[in-house]
Amino acid sequence: MPWRLRAVMALAGRVAGAAALLVAAAAGASGAAEDAASAEANMTRQKSSHEAPFFKDLLTGRVWVYQMLSAESPDVRDYGSAAYFHADGQVTICTSTGSGAIDNTGRWRVVPSEMFVTLFNYLAPGEEPDPAQVKSHVPIFYDPATGQLHSERWVADDTWQVFLRGWVQESWPAGLAAACPELTPAGLPLNTAQQSLVFWQLMREDPKSPVRGFPGSERAIPGGTGLAAAGHQPTLPAEELRGWLAANNGMVVSGGMLRYVLALGPRGDEVWLLEGDSDKVLDTIRLVPLEDGQGVALQFTAAPIRLLYSLGYPLGLVSTGKRYGAFALMDWLVERAEPVALPFMDRENVGFRFLPGGNLRVGTRGGRDIGGEWWLSQGSLHVLVEGIETANTFEWRALARHVGWSGER
């Protein structure tokens, strides 16, 4: 299937969050309005690397060793700190500085976000995060290859900045245990190799301590590596995007708070918005490449919404690993390669054989063999037989019952 700007998918940020991209792409913007649009685009392009449940599992019962990279004073920036995340939502923190150490306790959590997929916070969770404002919650990023964990925050000059940078480990650093003797988590192993309070020395003392390849890390947000860490350059190469889209065509995908189905095909590319946790298609989003070749317009069918996605930036979506029912049914019919009667048609008169690539052969009782094509669109199967101008549409659940498919393959 040719690559036709299928970056499409990006659903740059769900129904609510991505609306801000309209401002960024508005034609004719100039001066202050143009600057505001650019800032809005920079904010909304950001996506955490994984969904909230992943980070909750990663952090619970473990230690984040980090440096506050955003601090202006080297007395703070150059020193290591550690936070232990209790399962009950408590957090224990030892912050080292050049002049001593500060111990603290508070609360922590990770929450789904319509715009950023996931937001992380500790010490002062406060109100629920506003999709349009980071407030005290920040996007968070995990690299399974290195075990590095970092967060980024939105700063006054309308850009992203690396906030905390470090790694997750299974033990408490001995140097920080000495600095904050009353805070060492009970029952947690003490890492005696980690004696320094200087961050870079602490990193070198036990290079094997980071937790790498944590289970579930393979379900990463494509391109979700952090815009500040990438120098605000595009984070999703075209080849990676092609591979992800090809692997997930026909799959249920999620990100943040909504679920979708990728439906990419020769007659057009679509994303189906699902209703809640059901498999009911709530709306079809048509994907139209922009004339400048730099992005894709996402046009909703049932709602007057038109969103834009810039190629090269995070999609904000992950595969659930679940094949959507309509696609699974058609996989089954193609694999069987046996003629079936479609609903409302005489089983003895007409048999439809569904072939790969959307091809169709129709056999009749009189011995004729007619060609045709089939495709999935707007959550339904569409069948067009040669010599007939109008395609027939079949609701896939009704078709599944008719042909005796139960979902088992």
Foldseek 3Di string as FASTA:
>chain_A
DDCDQVLLQLCLFPDPLQLLQCQLPPPPDDDPSNVVSVLSVQVLLAAAWDAFVVVLVQQELWKWKKAFCPDPDCQRRQFIKMWHAHNVFKIWIWGHGVVAIDTDIWGWGKAFARRHLIWIATRDPDDDDDNRACPRTWGKYAAQVQQKIWTWHQDDVSHIATGIIGGMFQADEPLSCVRVVVRHDPPGHYDPQQNDGGRVVSCVSCSPGGNHPPPPSVQTFAQNHDCNVVVNFQRHDPVNSVVQLVVQAQFWKDGRQWIWHWFDAPVFTWIFTDDHPDLDGPWIWGWAQDPVNQWIWTQIDPDRDIGIDGPRTTSRMGTPPGGRPLVLVLVVQQVVQWFADFPPDDRQAWTWRQHPPQKIWIAGNVGDIWIWGWGDDPQWIWTDTPPDDGIDTDRRVVRCVRRVHDSDD
